Amino acid sequence: MAREVSTIALPHGPTLSFAAQGDQSAVPLLLLPGPTDSWLSYRPVLDQLPSWNRAVAVSQRGHGDSNKPATGYRVEDFAHDAVRLLDALGIERAVLIGHSGSCLVARRVAIDQPERVAGLVLEASPATLLGDAGLKDFVESVVSTLQDPIDTTFARSFVADTSSPDVTSDLRNDLVRELLKVPARVWRELFDSLLHYDDRSELARIMAPTLLIWGAADVLVRREMQEELIGRIRSARLLVYPGVGHTPRWEEPSRFASDVATFVDQLLHRKPYES
């Protein structure tokens, strides 16, 4: 399938790098990588999506080859960029797909701009990271000490800790190269924002059909968080990938792509997509 890699300057915002592919008349999928990842982290899924899906995978501000402004790395900033990206691409409604911390970004858009969101796919989504002991320790002991350039050994360790031995060496090397593009100041503001963000009281406002995808071997995001999200998001349902860790799309990209395509097909049959 033909894939176009390009950049786009957002009005009053950064220039973002993105990859786009698929049927331009189809319901668009906007893929938001997790913290420190670029659009390349979705390549295994993009390779497996059927041609009738329209997919746009973006490197968010501060990541990959996108601009890296001095500040602006809160959940709200990324959500604002996502809406402006949809505007710039002429997309009125999309299925938002997020991973880990970027699930909070997708949820923010669905809460604040429900008319722009046809559906949500939340991969390894935390309920909240507010005061999370593990993340707090990571921020205080590791993130606060990071300096530019980011150490390659640390980058490889971070990728290994958030993936699995089943990830191909080519993908692992790409992920490390992309992580090294994220400045230390971005790490600090981004992870500090995640530690102080909590949208749980607003989740009942999400009207979009929501698919939660979670790996049963995920040591970073717990099962009880998925149960809490099911209780708070009225239309949410959960798919569990047995034996899979924090990033199911890297370990089982074919299944992930198939589950996303099925979810989109169900949306279309539930209610015709209106562009």
C-alpha atoms as a PDB file:
ATOM      1  CA  MET A   1       0.000   0.000   0.000  1.00  0.00           C
ATOM      2  CA  ALA A   2       1.289   3.446  -0.908  1.00  0.00           C
ATOM      3  CA  ARG A   3       2.320   5.517   2.099  1.00  0.00           C
ATOM      4  CA  GLU A   4       3.138   9.206   2.045  1.00  0.00           C
ATOM      5  CA  VAL A   5       5.466  10.681   4.654  1.00  0.00           C
ATOM      6  CA  SER A   6       5.123  14.431   4.915  1.00  0.00           C
ATOM      7  CA  THR A   7       5.029  17.424   7.240  1.00  0.00           C
ATOM      8  CA  ILE A   8       2.346  19.984   7.919  1.00  0.00           C
ATOM      9  CA  ALA A   9       2.550  23.348   9.684  1.00  0.00           C
ATOM     10  CA  LEU A  10      -0.306  23.801  12.135  1.00  0.00           C
ATOM     11  CA  PRO A  11      -1.815  27.303  12.349  1.00  0.00           C
ATOM     12  CA  HIS A  12      -0.255  28.985  15.389  1.00  0.00           C
ATOM     13  CA  GLY A  13       1.418  25.687  16.226  1.00  0.00           C
ATOM     14  CA  PRO A  14       4.327  23.386  15.428  1.00  0.00           C
ATOM     15  CA  THR A  15       5.118  21.624  12.184  1.00  0.00           C
ATOM     16  CA  LEU A  16       4.307  17.944  12.554  1.00  0.00           C
ATOM     17  CA  SER A  17       5.703  14.932  10.716  1.00  0.00           C
ATOM     18  CA  PHE A  18       3.178  12.274   9.725  1.00  0.00           C
ATOM     19  CA  ALA A  19       2.573   9.262   7.508  1.00  0.00           C
ATOM     20  CA  ALA A  20      -0.690   8.784   5.617  1.00  0.00           C
ATOM     21  CA  GLN A  21      -2.066   5.879   3.620  1.00  0.00           C
ATOM     22  CA  GLY A  22      -5.278   4.238   2.446  1.00  0.00           C
ATOM     23  CA  ASP A  23      -8.614   5.165   0.916  1.00  0.00           C
ATOM     24  CA  GLN A  24      -9.122   8.925   1.120  1.00  0.00           C
ATOM     25  CA  SER A  25     -12.913   8.466   1.196  1.00  0.00           C
ATOM     26  CA  ALA A  26     -12.847   6.152   4.237  1.00  0.00           C
ATOM     27  CA  VAL A  27     -13.288   7.049   7.895  1.00  0.00           C
ATOM     28  CA  PRO A  28      -9.879   8.399   8.950  1.00  0.00           C
ATOM     29  CA  LEU A  29      -7.827   6.864  11.728  1.00  0.00           C
ATOM     30  CA  LEU A  30      -5.549   9.253  13.643  1.00  0.00           C
ATOM     31  CA  LEU A  31      -2.789   7.286  15.351  1.00  0.00           C
ATOM     32  CA  LEU A  32      -1.144   8.973  18.359  1.00  0.00           C
ATOM     33  CA  PRO A  33       2.072   7.301  19.583  1.00  0.00           C
ATOM     34  CA  GLY A  34       2.863   7.021  23.250  1.00  0.00           C
ATOM     35  CA  PRO A  35       5.435   9.205  25.025  1.00  0.00           C
ATOM     36  CA  THR A  36       8.876   9.320  23.297  1.00  0.00           C
ATOM     37  CA  ASP A  37       7.609   7.397  20.233  1.00  0.00           C
ATOM     38  CA  SER A  38       7.196   8.789  16.701  1.00  0.00           C
ATOM     39  CA  TRP A  39       4.813   7.768  13.932  1.00  0.00           C
ATOM     40  CA  LEU A  40       7.306   5.007  13.043  1.00  0.00           C
ATOM     41  CA  SER A  41       6.155   3.098  16.112  1.00  0.00           C
ATOM     42  CA  TYR A  42       2.929   2.368  14.204  1.00  0.00           C
ATOM     43  CA  ARG A  43       4.686   1.022  11.119  1.00  0.00           C
ATOM     44  CA  PRO A  44       3.995  -2.659  11.933  1.00  0.00           C
ATOM     45  CA  VAL A  45       0.274  -1.830  12.145  1.00  0.00           C
ATOM     46  CA  LEU A  46       0.275   0.376   9.053  1.00  0.00           C
ATOM     47  CA  ASP A  47       1.823  -2.522   7.140  1.00  0.00           C
ATOM     48  CA  GLN A  48      -1.105  -4.757   8.147  1.00  0.00           C
ATOM     49  CA  LEU A  49      -4.119  -2.445   7.845  1.00  0.00           C
ATOM     50  CA  PRO A  50      -6.427  -3.193   4.908  1.00  0.00           C
ATOM     51  CA  SER A  51      -6.277  -0.714   2.036  1.00  0.00           C
ATOM     52  CA  TRP A  52      -9.827   0.483   2.682  1.00  0.00           C
ATOM     53  CA  ASN A  53      -8.694   2.053   5.962  1.00  0.00           C
ATOM     54  CA  ARG A  54      -7.433   5.626   5.840  1.00  0.00           C
ATOM     55  CA  ALA A  55      -4.688   6.013   8.432  1.00  0.00           C
ATOM     56  CA  VAL A  56      -2.709   9.049   9.565  1.00  0.00           C
ATOM     57  CA  ALA A  57       0.092   8.322  12.054  1.00  0.00           C
ATOM     58  CA  VAL A  58       1.653  11.457  13.528  1.00  0.00           C
ATOM     59  CA  SER A  59       4.809  12.306  15.425  1.00  0.00           C
ATOM     60  CA  GLN A  60       3.499  14.613  18.125  1.00  0.00           C
ATOM     61  CA  ARG A  61       5.277  17.838  19.038  1.00  0.00           C
ATOM     62  CA  GLY A  62       8.707  17.218  20.523  1.00  0.00           C
ATOM     63  CA  HIS A  63       8.920  13.775  18.922  1.00  0.00           C
ATOM     64  CA  GLY A  64      10.503  12.275  15.817  1.00  0.00           C
ATOM     65  CA  ASP A  65      10.978  14.826  13.057  1.00  0.00           C
ATOM     66  CA  SER A  66       8.251  17.170  14.322  1.00  0.00           C
ATOM     67  CA  ASN A  67       9.076  20.597  15.728  1.00  0.00           C
ATOM     68  CA  LYS A  68      10.257  20.763  19.322  1.00  0.00           C
ATOM     69  CA  PRO A  69       9.085  24.059  20.849  1.00  0.00           C
ATOM     70  CA  ALA A  70      10.505  25.226  24.145  1.00  0.00           C
ATOM     71  CA  THR A  71       7.335  24.326  26.088  1.00  0.00           C
ATOM     72  CA  GLY A  72       3.864  22.915  25.554  1.00  0.00           C
ATOM     73  CA  TYR A  73       3.990  19.212  26.430  1.00  0.00           C
ATOM     74  CA  ARG A  74       0.895  18.821  28.590  1.00  0.00           C
ATOM     75  CA  VAL A  75      -1.924  16.459  27.664  1.00  0.00           C
ATOM     76  CA  GLU A  76      -4.002  19.507  26.731  1.00  0.00           C
ATOM     77  CA  ASP A  77      -1.295  20.779  24.356  1.00  0.00           C
ATOM     78  CA  PHE A  78      -1.107  17.469  22.487  1.00  0.00           C
ATOM     79  CA  ALA A  79      -4.919  17.327  22.301  1.00  0.00           C
ATOM     80  CA  HIS A  80      -5.041  20.831  20.876  1.00  0.00           C
ATOM     81  CA  ASP A  81      -2.506  19.816  18.224  1.00  0.00           C
ATOM     82  CA  ALA A  82      -4.577  16.740  17.320  1.00  0.00           C
ATOM     83  CA  VAL A  83      -7.642  18.855  16.600  1.00  0.00           C
ATOM     84  CA  ARG A  84      -5.611  21.385  14.624  1.00  0.00           C
ATOM     85  CA  LEU A  85      -4.086  18.538  12.629  1.00  0.00           C
ATOM     86  CA  LEU A  86      -7.552  17.259  11.743  1.00  0.00           C
ATOM     87  CA  ASP A  87      -8.462  20.790  10.669  1.00  0.00           C
ATOM     88  CA  ALA A  88      -5.335  21.159   8.566  1.00  0.00           C
ATOM     89  CA  LEU A  89      -5.983  17.835   6.825  1.00  0.00           C
ATOM     90  CA  GLY A  90      -9.636  18.661   6.196  1.00  0.00           C
ATOM     91  CA  ILE A  91     -10.879  15.839   8.446  1.00  0.00           C
ATOM     92  CA  GLU A  92     -14.117  16.514  10.292  1.00  0.00           C
ATOM     93  CA  ARG A  93     -14.329  13.270  12.300  1.00  0.00           C
ATOM     94  CA  ALA A  94     -11.859  10.493  12.956  1.00  0.00           C
ATOM     95  CA  VAL A  95     -11.246   7.397  15.011  1.00  0.00           C
ATOM     96  CA  LEU A  96      -8.515   8.340  17.474  1.00  0.00           C
ATOM     97  CA  ILE A  97      -6.033   5.622  18.396  1.00  0.00           C
ATOM     98  CA  GLY A  98      -3.721   6.229  21.346  1.00  0.00           C
ATOM     99  CA  HIS A  99      -1.117   4.257  23.255  1.00  0.00           C
ATOM    100  CA  SER A 100      -0.262   4.521  26.949  1.00  0.00           C
ATOM    101  CA  GLY A 101       0.039   8.201  27.941  1.00  0.00           C
ATOM    102  CA  SER A 102      -1.358   9.302  24.584  1.00  0.00           C
ATOM    103  CA  CYS A 103      -4.634   7.578  25.434  1.00  0.00           C
ATOM    104  CA  LEU A 104      -5.150  10.555  27.741  1.00  0.00           C
ATOM    105  CA  VAL A 105      -4.708  12.824  24.717  1.00  0.00           C
ATOM    106  CA  ALA A 106      -7.302  10.901  22.693  1.00  0.00           C
ATOM    107  CA  ARG A 107      -9.686  10.982  25.659  1.00  0.00           C
ATOM    108  CA  ARG A 108      -9.172  14.738  26.062  1.00  0.00           C
ATOM    109  CA  VAL A 109     -10.223  15.322  22.464  1.00  0.00           C
ATOM    110  CA  ALA A 110     -13.257  13.054  22.896  1.00  0.00           C
ATOM    111  CA  ILE A 111     -14.298  14.974  26.030  1.00  0.00           C
ATOM    112  CA  ASP A 112     -13.747  18.489  24.680  1.00  0.00           C
ATOM    113  CA  GLN A 113     -14.579  17.976  20.992  1.00  0.00           C
ATOM    114  CA  PRO A 114     -16.994  15.002  20.846  1.00  0.00           C
ATOM    115  CA  GLU A 115     -18.191  15.953  17.377  1.00  0.00           C
ATOM    116  CA  ARG A 116     -14.672  15.306  16.032  1.00  0.00           C
ATOM    117  CA  VAL A 117     -14.375  11.752  17.369  1.00  0.00           C
ATOM    118  CA  ALA A 118     -16.104   8.826  15.627  1.00  0.00           C
ATOM    119  CA  GLY A 119     -14.503   6.282  17.937  1.00  0.00           C
ATOM    120  CA  LEU A 120     -11.612   5.619  20.320  1.00  0.00           C
ATOM    121  CA  VAL A 121      -9.069   2.799  20.406  1.00  0.00           C
ATOM    122  CA  LEU A 122      -7.082   2.961  23.652  1.00  0.00           C
ATOM    123  CA  GLU A 123      -4.050   0.644  23.801  1.00  0.00           C
ATOM    124  CA  ALA A 124      -2.599   0.031  27.279  1.00  0.00           C
ATOM    125  CA  SER A 125      -4.536   2.977  28.653  1.00  0.00           C
ATOM    126  CA  PRO A 126      -4.010   4.003  32.268  1.00  0.00           C
ATOM    127  CA  ALA A 127      -7.066   5.174  34.184  1.00  0.00           C
ATOM    128  CA  THR A 128      -4.872   7.945  35.556  1.00  0.00           C
ATOM    129  CA  LEU A 129      -1.188   8.380  36.353  1.00  0.00           C
ATOM    130  CA  LEU A 130      -1.892  10.991  39.010  1.00  0.00           C
ATOM    131  CA  GLY A 131       0.585  10.343  41.810  1.00  0.00           C
ATOM    132  CA  ASP A 132       1.468   6.917  40.366  1.00  0.00           C
ATOM    133  CA  ALA A 133       4.282   5.616  42.583  1.00  0.00           C
ATOM    134  CA  GLY A 134       6.153   3.844  39.800  1.00  0.00           C
ATOM    135  CA  LEU A 135       6.010   6.802  37.437  1.00  0.00           C
ATOM    136  CA  LYS A 136       6.889   9.222  40.224  1.00  0.00           C
ATOM    137  CA  ASP A 137       9.986   7.208  41.061  1.00  0.00           C
ATOM    138  CA  PHE A 138      10.954   7.038  37.374  1.00  0.00           C
ATOM    139  CA  VAL A 139      10.566  10.808  36.996  1.00  0.00           C
ATOM    140  CA  GLU A 140      12.534  11.612  40.140  1.00  0.00           C
ATOM    141  CA  SER A 141      15.338   9.082  39.669  1.00  0.00           C
ATOM    142  CA  VAL A 142      15.690   9.023  35.877  1.00  0.00           C
ATOM    143  CA  VAL A 143      13.834  11.716  33.939  1.00  0.00           C
ATOM    144  CA  SER A 144      15.004  14.542  36.200  1.00  0.00           C
ATOM    145  CA  THR A 145      18.634  13.563  35.538  1.00  0.00           C
ATOM    146  CA  LEU A 146      18.442  13.298  31.738  1.00  0.00           C
ATOM    147  CA  GLN A 147      20.725  15.534  29.699  1.00  0.00           C
ATOM    148  CA  ASP A 148      21.158  16.127  25.993  1.00  0.00           C
ATOM    149  CA  PRO A 149      22.127  14.207  24.057  1.00  0.00           C
ATOM    150  CA  ILE A 150      20.140  11.309  25.485  1.00  0.00           C
ATOM    151  CA  ASP A 151      22.409   8.362  26.229  1.00  0.00           C
ATOM    152  CA  THR A 152      22.042   5.522  23.699  1.00  0.00           C
ATOM    153  CA  THR A 153      22.406   2.829  26.353  1.00  0.00           C
ATOM    154  CA  PHE A 154      19.554   4.372  28.329  1.00  0.00           C
ATOM    155  CA  ALA A 155      17.440   4.615  25.156  1.00  0.00           C
ATOM    156  CA  ARG A 156      17.915   0.924  24.422  1.00  0.00           C
ATOM    157  CA  SER A 157      17.052   0.019  28.008  1.00  0.00           C
ATOM    158  CA  PHE A 158      13.889   2.152  27.927  1.00  0.00           C
ATOM    159  CA  VAL A 159      12.688   0.568  24.679  1.00  0.00           C
ATOM    160  CA  ALA A 160      13.406  -2.908  26.043  1.00  0.00           C
ATOM    161  CA  ASP A 161      11.472  -2.181  29.238  1.00  0.00           C
ATOM    162  CA  THR A 162       8.387  -1.021  27.316  1.00  0.00           C
ATOM    163  CA  SER A 163       8.414  -3.710  24.619  1.00  0.00           C
ATOM    164  CA  SER A 164       9.203  -7.427  24.588  1.00  0.00           C
ATOM    165  CA  PRO A 165      11.838  -9.852  23.262  1.00  0.00           C
ATOM    166  CA  ASP A 166       9.443 -10.622  20.390  1.00  0.00           C
ATOM    167  CA  VAL A 167       9.914  -7.169  18.846  1.00  0.00           C
ATOM    168  CA  THR A 168      12.099  -7.420  15.745  1.00  0.00           C
ATOM    169  CA  SER A 169      15.600  -5.997  15.908  1.00  0.00           C
ATOM    170  CA  ASP A 170      14.838  -3.646  12.989  1.00  0.00           C
ATOM    171  CA  LEU A 171      11.848  -2.138  14.788  1.00  0.00           C
ATOM    172  CA  ARG A 172      13.753  -1.952  18.073  1.00  0.00           C
ATOM    173  CA  ASN A 173      16.597  -0.059  16.368  1.00  0.00           C
ATOM    174  CA  ASP A 174      14.106   2.351  14.769  1.00  0.00           C
ATOM    175  CA  LEU A 175      12.439   2.974  18.118  1.00  0.00           C
ATOM    176  CA  VAL A 176      15.791   3.747  19.737  1.00  0.00           C
ATOM    177  CA  ARG A 177      16.755   6.165  16.948  1.00  0.00           C
ATOM    178  CA  GLU A 178      13.429   7.978  17.265  1.00  0.00           C
ATOM    179  CA  LEU A 179      13.635   8.134  21.058  1.00  0.00           C
ATOM    180  CA  LEU A 180      17.048   9.818  20.799  1.00  0.00           C
ATOM    181  CA  LYS A 181      15.377  12.690  18.916  1.00  0.00           C
ATOM    182  CA  VAL A 182      13.320  13.665  21.996  1.00  0.00           C
ATOM    183  CA  PRO A 183      15.111  16.386  24.020  1.00  0.00           C
ATOM    184  CA  ALA A 184      15.518  15.985  27.766  1.00  0.00           C
ATOM    185  CA  ARG A 185      13.302  19.046  28.417  1.00  0.00           C
ATOM    186  CA  VAL A 186      10.452  17.350  26.547  1.00  0.00           C
ATOM    187  CA  TRP A 187      10.796  14.260  28.728  1.00  0.00           C
ATOM    188  CA  ARG A 188      10.670  16.382  31.864  1.00  0.00           C
ATOM    189  CA  GLU A 189       7.592  18.455  30.997  1.00  0.00           C
ATOM    190  CA  LEU A 190       5.712  15.549  29.434  1.00  0.00           C
ATOM    191  CA  PHE A 191       6.151  13.094  32.308  1.00  0.00           C
ATOM    192  CA  ASP A 192       5.521  15.778  34.926  1.00  0.00           C
ATOM    193  CA  SER A 193       2.247  16.558  33.163  1.00  0.00           C
ATOM    194  CA  LEU A 194       1.223  12.887  33.230  1.00  0.00           C
ATOM    195  CA  LEU A 195       1.862  12.758  36.994  1.00  0.00           C
ATOM    196  CA  HIS A 196      -0.577  15.629  37.564  1.00  0.00           C
ATOM    197  CA  TYR A 197      -3.320  14.806  35.060  1.00  0.00           C
ATOM    198  CA  ASP A 198      -6.637  13.190  36.001  1.00  0.00           C
ATOM    199  CA  ASP A 199      -9.696  13.177  33.739  1.00  0.00           C
ATOM    200  CA  ARG A 200     -11.611  10.349  35.437  1.00  0.00           C
ATOM    201  CA  SER A 201     -14.450  12.570  36.625  1.00  0.00           C
ATOM    202  CA  GLU A 202     -15.029  13.623  33.004  1.00  0.00           C
ATOM    203  CA  LEU A 203     -14.960  10.213  31.317  1.00  0.00           C
ATOM    204  CA  ALA A 204     -18.735   9.799  31.469  1.00  0.00           C
ATOM    205  CA  ARG A 205     -18.903  12.621  28.916  1.00  0.00           C
ATOM    206  CA  ILE A 206     -17.251  10.423  26.267  1.00  0.00           C
ATOM    207  CA  MET A 207     -19.946   9.448  23.773  1.00  0.00           C
ATOM    208  CA  ALA A 208     -17.703   7.781  21.194  1.00  0.00           C
ATOM    209  CA  PRO A 209     -17.656   3.971  20.991  1.00  0.00           C
ATOM    210  CA  THR A 210     -14.453   2.906  22.742  1.00  0.00           C
ATOM    211  CA  LEU A 211     -12.253  -0.161  22.342  1.00  0.00           C
ATOM    212  CA  LEU A 212      -9.702  -0.901  25.068  1.00  0.00           C
ATOM    213  CA  ILE A 213      -6.797  -3.142  24.044  1.00  0.00           C
ATOM    214  CA  TRP A 214      -4.629  -4.437  26.872  1.00  0.00           C
ATOM    215  CA  GLY A 215      -1.880  -7.050  27.165  1.00  0.00           C
ATOM    216  CA  ALA A 216      -2.300  -9.427  30.094  1.00  0.00           C
ATOM    217  CA  ALA A 217       1.463  -9.328  30.772  1.00  0.00           C
ATOM    218  CA  ASP A 218       1.564  -5.517  30.985  1.00  0.00           C
ATOM    219  CA  VAL A 219       3.550  -4.606  34.112  1.00  0.00           C
ATOM    220  CA  LEU A 220       3.075  -0.835  33.660  1.00  0.00           C
ATOM    221  CA  VAL A 221      -0.710  -0.574  33.241  1.00  0.00           C
ATOM    222  CA  ARG A 222      -2.774  -2.864  35.455  1.00  0.00           C
ATOM    223  CA  ARG A 223      -5.953  -4.831  34.704  1.00  0.00           C
ATOM    224  CA  GLU A 224      -7.868  -2.941  37.384  1.00  0.00           C
ATOM    225  CA  MET A 225      -7.263   0.247  35.407  1.00  0.00           C
ATOM    226  CA  GLN A 226      -9.062  -1.352  32.452  1.00  0.00           C
ATOM    227  CA  GLU A 227     -11.970  -2.326  34.694  1.00  0.00           C
ATOM    228  CA  GLU A 228     -12.169   1.228  36.005  1.00  0.00           C
ATOM    229  CA  LEU A 229     -12.282   2.621  32.469  1.00  0.00           C
ATOM    230  CA  ILE A 230     -15.061   0.198  31.530  1.00  0.00           C
ATOM    231  CA  GLY A 231     -17.005   1.480  34.523  1.00  0.00           C
ATOM    232  CA  ARG A 232     -16.493   5.130  33.625  1.00  0.00           C
ATOM    233  CA  ILE A 233     -16.744   5.146  29.792  1.00  0.00           C
ATOM    234  CA  ARG A 234     -20.273   4.042  29.000  1.00  0.00           C
ATOM    235  CA  SER A 235     -19.535   2.489  25.600  1.00  0.00           C
ATOM    236  CA  ALA A 236     -16.167   0.897  26.390  1.00  0.00           C
ATOM    237  CA  ARG A 237     -15.348  -2.760  25.826  1.00  0.00           C
ATOM    238  CA  LEU A 238     -12.091  -4.586  26.474  1.00  0.00           C
ATOM    239  CA  LEU A 239      -9.971  -6.923  24.351  1.00  0.00           C
ATOM    240  CA  VAL A 240      -7.260  -8.767  26.297  1.00  0.00           C
ATOM    241  CA  TYR A 241      -4.167 -10.111  24.517  1.00  0.00           C
ATOM    242  CA  PRO A 242      -2.895 -13.079  26.593  1.00  0.00           C
ATOM    243  CA  GLY A 243       0.834 -13.141  27.277  1.00  0.00           C
ATOM    244  CA  VAL A 244       1.387  -9.713  25.706  1.00  0.00           C
ATOM    245  CA  GLY A 245       3.060  -6.746  27.398  1.00  0.00           C
ATOM    246  CA  HIS A 246       2.700  -2.974  27.367  1.00  0.00           C
ATOM    247  CA  THR A 247       2.619  -2.495  23.593  1.00  0.00           C
ATOM    248  CA  PRO A 248       0.349  -5.103  21.996  1.00  0.00           C
ATOM    249  CA  ARG A 249       0.702  -3.630  18.509  1.00  0.00           C
ATOM    250  CA  TRP A 250       4.429  -4.447  18.468  1.00  0.00           C
ATOM    251  CA  GLU A 251       3.983  -8.022  19.626  1.00  0.00           C
ATOM    252  CA  GLU A 252       0.859  -8.869  17.612  1.00  0.00           C
ATOM    253  CA  PRO A 253       0.581  -6.263  14.825  1.00  0.00           C
ATOM    254  CA  SER A 254      -1.595  -8.455  12.589  1.00  0.00           C
ATOM    255  CA  ARG A 255      -4.146  -9.030  15.342  1.00  0.00           C
ATOM    256  CA  PHE A 256      -4.046  -5.383  16.380  1.00  0.00           C
ATOM    257  CA  ALA A 257      -4.650  -4.194  12.805  1.00  0.00           C
ATOM    258  CA  SER A 258      -7.461  -6.713  12.386  1.00  0.00           C
ATOM    259  CA  ASP A 259      -9.112  -5.661  15.650  1.00  0.00           C
ATOM    260  CA  VAL A 260      -8.931  -1.991  14.642  1.00  0.00           C
ATOM    261  CA  ALA A 261     -10.351  -2.728  11.179  1.00  0.00           C
ATOM    262  CA  THR A 262     -13.188  -4.769  12.701  1.00  0.00           C
ATOM    263  CA  PHE A 263     -13.948  -1.990  15.186  1.00  0.00           C
ATOM    264  CA  VAL A 264     -14.135   0.575  12.373  1.00  0.00           C
ATOM    265  CA  ASP A 265     -16.343  -1.738  10.304  1.00  0.00           C
ATOM    266  CA  GLN A 266     -18.714  -2.091  13.266  1.00  0.00           C
ATOM    267  CA  LEU A 267     -18.845   1.699  13.603  1.00  0.00           C
ATOM    268  CA  LEU A 268     -19.863   2.004   9.981  1.00  0.00           C
ATOM    269  CA  HIS A 269     -22.623  -0.559  10.372  1.00  0.00           C
ATOM    270  CA  ARG A 270     -23.847   0.962  13.620  1.00  0.00           C
ATOM    271  CA  LYS A 271     -24.191   4.433  12.123  1.00  0.00           C
ATOM    272  CA  PRO A 272     -23.148   5.638   8.692  1.00  0.00           C
ATOM    273  CA  TYR A 273     -20.014   7.735   8.806  1.00  0.00           C
ATOM    274  CA  GLU A 274     -20.636  11.330   7.933  1.00  0.00           C
ATOM    275  CA  SER A 275     -17.695  13.366   6.678  1.00  0.00           C
END
